Amino acid sequence: MTRVKICGITQFEDARDAALLGADAIGLNFYPNSPRYIEPSRAAKIIEKLPPFVTAVGIFVNHRDPQSLEDFALSLGLHAVQLHGNETPDYCSMIQRVKVIKAFRVDSNFRVDVLRSHGSGTFLLDGCAPGAGTSFEWELAFGANAFGSIIIGGGLTPHNVSRVISTLHPFGVDVASGVESRPGKKDYDKMRRFIEAVERADVALMGGL
């Protein structure tokens, strides 16, 4: 089944609703320049109240030191870190105590074999402007599944998520602006329709069983 991550959570009510609707993970953005940035103290309170089996993922961009990032993630109770900067394979390999999701921006220069050199095993393929709701040409990601667990983000909405699932068969899908009323504020109905569309796509892939 395709996992769903609702990213850019800034309020507990949205995290609660995402979990109740069936999201597998929430994303908390610790990049200060993001309109979805969340203060660590506020994020900790949200993570504290998450139900079992819902994964908390922290979003970071070019954090200066992998060891201090790992310590920070553990102190908040994050299960994984999602790295959106120029983090090298060596940088990623130094993070051992939480899972690493390495993000790549997909454009015409992207080649899936770049994933081979990163040992994290889980990759987010995103649009060229993460968080801006812009998609990429999904055909550029053909073959990515051979290199690990692939999560697709970038411009996904309740209207197109089923197509990306049927096209790429990803491990997971990641959505932020596509289920928002404004940056950082989720729309309950859009989240519901997004997750329902993922579930329908999964059923279709199984032959309607």
C-alpha atoms as a PDB file:
ATOM      1  CA  MET A   1       0.000   0.000   0.000  1.00  0.00           C
ATOM      2  CA  THR A   2       1.209   3.497  -0.812  1.00  0.00           C
ATOM      3  CA  ARG A   3       2.216   5.445   2.285  1.00  0.00           C
ATOM      4  CA  VAL A   4       0.991   9.023   2.721  1.00  0.00           C
ATOM      5  CA  LYS A   5       2.932  11.842   4.327  1.00  0.00           C
ATOM      6  CA  ILE A   6       1.226  15.161   5.047  1.00  0.00           C
ATOM      7  CA  CYS A   7       4.035  17.695   5.168  1.00  0.00           C
ATOM      8  CA  GLY A   8       4.337  21.206   6.539  1.00  0.00           C
ATOM      9  CA  ILE A   9       2.223  20.627   9.642  1.00  0.00           C
ATOM     10  CA  THR A  10       2.227  23.643  11.960  1.00  0.00           C
ATOM     11  CA  GLN A  11      -0.816  22.969  14.173  1.00  0.00           C
ATOM     12  CA  PHE A  12      -1.722  20.006  16.350  1.00  0.00           C
ATOM     13  CA  GLU A  13      -5.295  19.958  15.048  1.00  0.00           C
ATOM     14  CA  ASP A  14      -4.013  19.354  11.512  1.00  0.00           C
ATOM     15  CA  ALA A  15      -1.682  16.581  12.702  1.00  0.00           C
ATOM     16  CA  ARG A  16      -4.569  14.960  14.574  1.00  0.00           C
ATOM     17  CA  ASP A  17      -6.873  15.176  11.561  1.00  0.00           C
ATOM     18  CA  ALA A  18      -4.211  13.806   9.215  1.00  0.00           C
ATOM     19  CA  ALA A  19      -3.682  10.832  11.512  1.00  0.00           C
ATOM     20  CA  LEU A  20      -7.407  10.168  11.919  1.00  0.00           C
ATOM     21  CA  LEU A  21      -7.861  10.279   8.150  1.00  0.00           C
ATOM     22  CA  GLY A  22      -5.184   7.631   7.707  1.00  0.00           C
ATOM     23  CA  ALA A  23      -1.915   9.461   7.030  1.00  0.00           C
ATOM     24  CA  ASP A  24       1.137   7.338   7.778  1.00  0.00           C
ATOM     25  CA  ALA A  25       3.444  10.275   8.525  1.00  0.00           C
ATOM     26  CA  ILE A  26       3.505  13.995   9.137  1.00  0.00           C
ATOM     27  CA  GLY A  27       6.269  16.400   8.184  1.00  0.00           C
ATOM     28  CA  LEU A  28       7.517  19.210  10.423  1.00  0.00           C
ATOM     29  CA  ASN A  29       9.608  21.853   8.693  1.00  0.00           C
ATOM     30  CA  PHE A  30      12.627  23.189  10.577  1.00  0.00           C
ATOM     31  CA  TYR A  31      14.000  25.265   7.692  1.00  0.00           C
ATOM     32  CA  PRO A  32      13.714  28.883   8.936  1.00  0.00           C
ATOM     33  CA  ASN A  33      13.069  30.345   5.468  1.00  0.00           C
ATOM     34  CA  SER A  34      10.043  28.150   4.857  1.00  0.00           C
ATOM     35  CA  PRO A  35       6.518  29.574   5.225  1.00  0.00           C
ATOM     36  CA  ARG A  36       5.761  26.292   7.008  1.00  0.00           C
ATOM     37  CA  TYR A  37       8.560  26.646   9.565  1.00  0.00           C
ATOM     38  CA  ILE A  38       7.669  25.428  13.033  1.00  0.00           C
ATOM     39  CA  GLU A  39       9.364  26.252  16.311  1.00  0.00           C
ATOM     40  CA  PRO A  40      10.966  23.177  17.916  1.00  0.00           C
ATOM     41  CA  SER A  41       9.032  23.610  21.176  1.00  0.00           C
ATOM     42  CA  ARG A  42       5.737  23.631  19.287  1.00  0.00           C
ATOM     43  CA  ALA A  43       6.781  20.650  17.180  1.00  0.00           C
ATOM     44  CA  ALA A  44       7.669  18.669  20.308  1.00  0.00           C
ATOM     45  CA  LYS A  45       4.153  19.154  21.684  1.00  0.00           C
ATOM     46  CA  ILE A  46       2.624  17.902  18.433  1.00  0.00           C
ATOM     47  CA  ILE A  47       4.900  14.839  18.322  1.00  0.00           C
ATOM     48  CA  GLU A  48       4.063  14.067  21.961  1.00  0.00           C
ATOM     49  CA  LYS A  49       0.375  13.758  21.123  1.00  0.00           C
ATOM     50  CA  LEU A  50       0.675  11.723  17.928  1.00  0.00           C
ATOM     51  CA  PRO A  51      -1.042   8.340  18.038  1.00  0.00           C
ATOM     52  CA  PRO A  52       1.003   5.141  17.726  1.00  0.00           C
ATOM     53  CA  PHE A  53       2.184   4.150  14.236  1.00  0.00           C
ATOM     54  CA  VAL A  54       2.201   7.713  12.893  1.00  0.00           C
ATOM     55  CA  THR A  55       5.741   8.698  11.901  1.00  0.00           C
ATOM     56  CA  ALA A  56       7.111  12.179  12.629  1.00  0.00           C
ATOM     57  CA  VAL A  57       9.566  13.418   9.991  1.00  0.00           C
ATOM     58  CA  GLY A  58      11.681  16.566  10.349  1.00  0.00           C
ATOM     59  CA  ILE A  59      12.594  18.611   7.262  1.00  0.00           C
ATOM     60  CA  PHE A  60      16.062  20.184   7.190  1.00  0.00           C
ATOM     61  CA  VAL A  61      18.178  22.044   4.642  1.00  0.00           C
ATOM     62  CA  ASN A  62      21.989  22.017   4.854  1.00  0.00           C
ATOM     63  CA  HIS A  63      22.161  21.689   8.625  1.00  0.00           C
ATOM     64  CA  ARG A  64      25.751  22.440   9.580  1.00  0.00           C
ATOM     65  CA  ASP A  65      26.532  19.186  11.373  1.00  0.00           C
ATOM     66  CA  PRO A  66      24.958  15.735  11.014  1.00  0.00           C
ATOM     67  CA  GLN A  67      25.690  14.791  14.615  1.00  0.00           C
ATOM     68  CA  SER A  68      23.966  17.818  16.091  1.00  0.00           C
ATOM     69  CA  LEU A  69      21.074  17.304  13.677  1.00  0.00           C
ATOM     70  CA  GLU A  70      20.739  13.724  14.876  1.00  0.00           C
ATOM     71  CA  ASP A  71      20.822  14.836  18.519  1.00  0.00           C
ATOM     72  CA  PHE A  72      18.185  17.480  17.806  1.00  0.00           C
ATOM     73  CA  ALA A  73      15.945  14.952  16.037  1.00  0.00           C
ATOM     74  CA  LEU A  74      16.184  12.486  18.918  1.00  0.00           C
ATOM     75  CA  SER A  75      15.498  15.182  21.500  1.00  0.00           C
ATOM     76  CA  LEU A  76      12.202  15.996  19.778  1.00  0.00           C
ATOM     77  CA  GLY A  77      11.168  12.400  19.166  1.00  0.00           C
ATOM     78  CA  LEU A  78      11.480  12.509  15.383  1.00  0.00           C
ATOM     79  CA  HIS A  79      11.517   9.133  13.657  1.00  0.00           C
ATOM     80  CA  ALA A  80      13.235  10.355  10.476  1.00  0.00           C
ATOM     81  CA  VAL A  81      14.962  13.373   8.969  1.00  0.00           C
ATOM     82  CA  GLN A  82      14.280  14.549   5.436  1.00  0.00           C
ATOM     83  CA  LEU A  83      17.256  16.357   3.929  1.00  0.00           C
ATOM     84  CA  HIS A  84      16.544  18.900   1.197  1.00  0.00           C
ATOM     85  CA  GLY A  85      19.935  20.532   0.744  1.00  0.00           C
ATOM     86  CA  ASN A  86      23.277  19.532  -0.738  1.00  0.00           C
ATOM     87  CA  GLU A  87      23.947  16.824   1.826  1.00  0.00           C
ATOM     88  CA  THR A  88      26.573  14.363   0.595  1.00  0.00           C
ATOM     89  CA  PRO A  89      26.463  10.567   0.912  1.00  0.00           C
ATOM     90  CA  ASP A  90      29.065  10.831   3.703  1.00  0.00           C
ATOM     91  CA  TYR A  91      26.908  13.366   5.545  1.00  0.00           C
ATOM     92  CA  CYS A  92      23.873  11.079   5.294  1.00  0.00           C
ATOM     93  CA  SER A  93      25.824   8.031   6.429  1.00  0.00           C
ATOM     94  CA  MET A  94      26.838   9.796   9.649  1.00  0.00           C
ATOM     95  CA  ILE A  95      23.198   9.845  10.777  1.00  0.00           C
ATOM     96  CA  GLN A  96      22.583   6.415  12.287  1.00  0.00           C
ATOM     97  CA  ARG A  97      20.028   6.710  15.073  1.00  0.00           C
ATOM     98  CA  VAL A  98      17.135   8.045  12.992  1.00  0.00           C
ATOM     99  CA  LYS A  99      16.080   7.180   9.452  1.00  0.00           C
ATOM    100  CA  VAL A 100      17.268   9.404   6.619  1.00  0.00           C
ATOM    101  CA  ILE A 101      15.156  10.472   3.646  1.00  0.00           C
ATOM    102  CA  LYS A 102      17.319  12.230   1.063  1.00  0.00           C
ATOM    103  CA  ALA A 103      15.420  14.604  -1.194  1.00  0.00           C
ATOM    104  CA  PHE A 104      16.321  15.290  -4.817  1.00  0.00           C
ATOM    105  CA  ARG A 105      14.952  17.982  -7.080  1.00  0.00           C
ATOM    106  CA  VAL A 106      13.938  16.473 -10.391  1.00  0.00           C
ATOM    107  CA  ASP A 107      14.505  18.481 -13.546  1.00  0.00           C
ATOM    108  CA  SER A 108      15.717  17.734 -17.069  1.00  0.00           C
ATOM    109  CA  ASN A 109      19.250  17.112 -15.750  1.00  0.00           C
ATOM    110  CA  PHE A 110      18.159  14.528 -13.191  1.00  0.00           C
ATOM    111  CA  ARG A 111      19.295  10.933 -13.650  1.00  0.00           C
ATOM    112  CA  VAL A 112      17.976   8.182 -11.409  1.00  0.00           C
ATOM    113  CA  ASP A 113      21.379   6.536 -11.079  1.00  0.00           C
ATOM    114  CA  VAL A 114      22.489   9.449  -8.856  1.00  0.00           C
ATOM    115  CA  LEU A 115      20.550   7.623  -6.143  1.00  0.00           C
ATOM    116  CA  ARG A 116      23.026   4.756  -6.289  1.00  0.00           C
ATOM    117  CA  SER A 117      25.693   6.748  -4.437  1.00  0.00           C
ATOM    118  CA  HIS A 118      23.422   7.617  -1.497  1.00  0.00           C
ATOM    119  CA  GLY A 119      23.101   4.823   0.999  1.00  0.00           C
ATOM    120  CA  SER A 120      20.034   6.039   2.882  1.00  0.00           C
ATOM    121  CA  GLY A 121      17.773   3.766   0.875  1.00  0.00           C
ATOM    122  CA  THR A 122      14.795   6.133   1.029  1.00  0.00           C
ATOM    123  CA  PHE A 123      14.510   9.027  -1.398  1.00  0.00           C
ATOM    124  CA  LEU A 124      12.051  11.856  -1.953  1.00  0.00           C
ATOM    125  CA  LEU A 125      11.821  12.981  -5.567  1.00  0.00           C
ATOM    126  CA  ASP A 126      10.426  16.503  -5.571  1.00  0.00           C
ATOM    127  CA  GLY A 127       9.704  19.393  -7.902  1.00  0.00           C
ATOM    128  CA  CYS A 128      12.343  22.016  -8.607  1.00  0.00           C
ATOM    129  CA  ALA A 129      10.810  24.368  -6.033  1.00  0.00           C
ATOM    130  CA  PRO A 130       9.963  22.238  -2.959  1.00  0.00           C
ATOM    131  CA  GLY A 131       6.864  23.402  -1.111  1.00  0.00           C
ATOM    132  CA  ALA A 132       5.712  25.561  -4.003  1.00  0.00           C
ATOM    133  CA  GLY A 133       3.285  23.021  -5.382  1.00  0.00           C
ATOM    134  CA  THR A 134       5.162  22.462  -8.640  1.00  0.00           C
ATOM    135  CA  SER A 135       5.340  19.008 -10.144  1.00  0.00           C
ATOM    136  CA  PHE A 136       7.983  17.420 -12.344  1.00  0.00           C
ATOM    137  CA  GLU A 137       7.804  15.150 -15.373  1.00  0.00           C
ATOM    138  CA  TRP A 138       7.138  11.811 -13.743  1.00  0.00           C
ATOM    139  CA  GLU A 139       8.781   9.927 -16.598  1.00  0.00           C
ATOM    140  CA  LEU A 140      12.136  11.254 -15.354  1.00  0.00           C
ATOM    141  CA  ALA A 141      11.738   9.027 -12.290  1.00  0.00           C
ATOM    142  CA  PHE A 142      11.309   5.764 -14.203  1.00  0.00           C
ATOM    143  CA  GLY A 143      13.681   3.172 -12.761  1.00  0.00           C
ATOM    144  CA  ALA A 144      14.151   4.940  -9.433  1.00  0.00           C
ATOM    145  CA  ASN A 145      12.512   2.061  -7.550  1.00  0.00           C
ATOM    146  CA  ALA A 146      15.595  -0.049  -8.264  1.00  0.00           C
ATOM    147  CA  PHE A 147      17.639   2.107  -5.878  1.00  0.00           C
ATOM    148  CA  GLY A 148      15.439   2.120  -2.776  1.00  0.00           C
ATOM    149  CA  SER A 149      12.105   3.230  -1.376  1.00  0.00           C
ATOM    150  CA  ILE A 150      10.846   6.126  -3.492  1.00  0.00           C
ATOM    151  CA  ILE A 151       8.542   8.874  -2.243  1.00  0.00           C
ATOM    152  CA  ILE A 152       7.063  11.249  -4.806  1.00  0.00           C
ATOM    153  CA  GLY A 153       6.321  14.880  -3.953  1.00  0.00           C
ATOM    154  CA  GLY A 154       5.889  18.109  -5.864  1.00  0.00           C
ATOM    155  CA  GLY A 155       2.537  19.466  -6.965  1.00  0.00           C
ATOM    156  CA  LEU A 156       0.446  16.511  -5.832  1.00  0.00           C
ATOM    157  CA  THR A 157      -3.263  17.078  -5.211  1.00  0.00           C
ATOM    158  CA  PRO A 158      -6.375  14.933  -4.733  1.00  0.00           C
ATOM    159  CA  HIS A 159      -6.826  15.212  -8.506  1.00  0.00           C
ATOM    160  CA  ASN A 160      -3.483  13.860  -9.729  1.00  0.00           C
ATOM    161  CA  VAL A 161      -2.114  11.606  -6.974  1.00  0.00           C
ATOM    162  CA  SER A 162      -3.776   8.493  -8.381  1.00  0.00           C
ATOM    163  CA  ARG A 163      -2.004   9.053 -11.714  1.00  0.00           C
ATOM    164  CA  VAL A 164       1.434   9.263 -10.131  1.00  0.00           C
ATOM    165  CA  ILE A 165       0.767   6.053  -8.201  1.00  0.00           C
ATOM    166  CA  SER A 166      -0.339   4.182 -11.309  1.00  0.00           C
ATOM    167  CA  THR A 167       2.624   5.595 -13.269  1.00  0.00           C
ATOM    168  CA  LEU A 168       5.501   5.133 -10.807  1.00  0.00           C
ATOM    169  CA  HIS A 169       4.267   2.710  -8.110  1.00  0.00           C
ATOM    170  CA  PRO A 170       6.080   4.653  -5.365  1.00  0.00           C
ATOM    171  CA  PHE A 171       6.601   3.546  -1.790  1.00  0.00           C
ATOM    172  CA  GLY A 172       4.940   6.779  -0.684  1.00  0.00           C
ATOM    173  CA  VAL A 173       3.571  10.173  -1.685  1.00  0.00           C
ATOM    174  CA  ASP A 174       4.251  13.500   0.001  1.00  0.00           C
ATOM    175  CA  VAL A 175       1.897  16.467  -0.064  1.00  0.00           C
ATOM    176  CA  ALA A 176       1.967  19.955   1.464  1.00  0.00           C
ATOM    177  CA  SER A 177       0.409  22.793  -0.535  1.00  0.00           C
ATOM    178  CA  GLY A 178      -1.972  20.428  -2.347  1.00  0.00           C
ATOM    179  CA  VAL A 179      -4.010  19.931   0.835  1.00  0.00           C
ATOM    180  CA  GLU A 180      -3.800  23.456   2.258  1.00  0.00           C
ATOM    181  CA  SER A 181      -6.066  26.459   2.560  1.00  0.00           C
ATOM    182  CA  ARG A 182      -2.913  28.577   3.050  1.00  0.00           C
ATOM    183  CA  PRO A 183       0.763  27.778   3.740  1.00  0.00           C
ATOM    184  CA  GLY A 184       0.951  25.801   6.963  1.00  0.00           C
ATOM    185  CA  LYS A 185      -2.813  25.416   7.383  1.00  0.00           C
ATOM    186  CA  LYS A 186      -4.284  22.133   6.190  1.00  0.00           C
ATOM    187  CA  ASP A 187      -7.737  21.735   4.715  1.00  0.00           C
ATOM    188  CA  TYR A 188      -9.569  18.760   6.218  1.00  0.00           C
ATOM    189  CA  ASP A 189     -11.611  18.013   3.099  1.00  0.00           C
ATOM    190  CA  LYS A 190      -8.568  18.185   0.808  1.00  0.00           C
ATOM    191  CA  MET A 191      -6.643  15.811   3.081  1.00  0.00           C
ATOM    192  CA  ARG A 192      -9.603  13.424   3.122  1.00  0.00           C
ATOM    193  CA  ARG A 193      -9.942  13.467  -0.652  1.00  0.00           C
ATOM    194  CA  PHE A 194      -6.185  13.041  -1.130  1.00  0.00           C
ATOM    195  CA  ILE A 195      -6.009   9.964   1.101  1.00  0.00           C
ATOM    196  CA  GLU A 196      -9.142   8.489  -0.468  1.00  0.00           C
ATOM    197  CA  ALA A 197      -7.596   8.961  -3.934  1.00  0.00           C
ATOM    198  CA  VAL A 198      -4.456   7.111  -2.790  1.00  0.00           C
ATOM    199  CA  GLU A 199      -6.573   4.260  -1.450  1.00  0.00           C
ATOM    200  CA  ARG A 200      -8.543   4.005  -4.720  1.00  0.00           C
ATOM    201  CA  ALA A 201      -5.323   3.951  -6.726  1.00  0.00           C
ATOM    202  CA  ASP A 202      -3.953   1.135  -4.567  1.00  0.00           C
ATOM    203  CA  VAL A 203      -7.137  -0.890  -5.047  1.00  0.00           C
ATOM    204  CA  ALA A 204      -6.933  -0.342  -8.812  1.00  0.00           C
ATOM    205  CA  LEU A 205      -3.327  -1.591  -8.859  1.00  0.00           C
ATOM    206  CA  MET A 206      -4.443  -4.754  -7.094  1.00  0.00           C
ATOM    207  CA  GLY A 207      -7.010  -5.375  -9.790  1.00  0.00           C
ATOM    208  CA  GLY A 208      -9.993  -4.041  -7.911  1.00  0.00           C
ATOM    209  CA  LEU A 209      -9.864  -6.714  -5.196  1.00  0.00           C
END
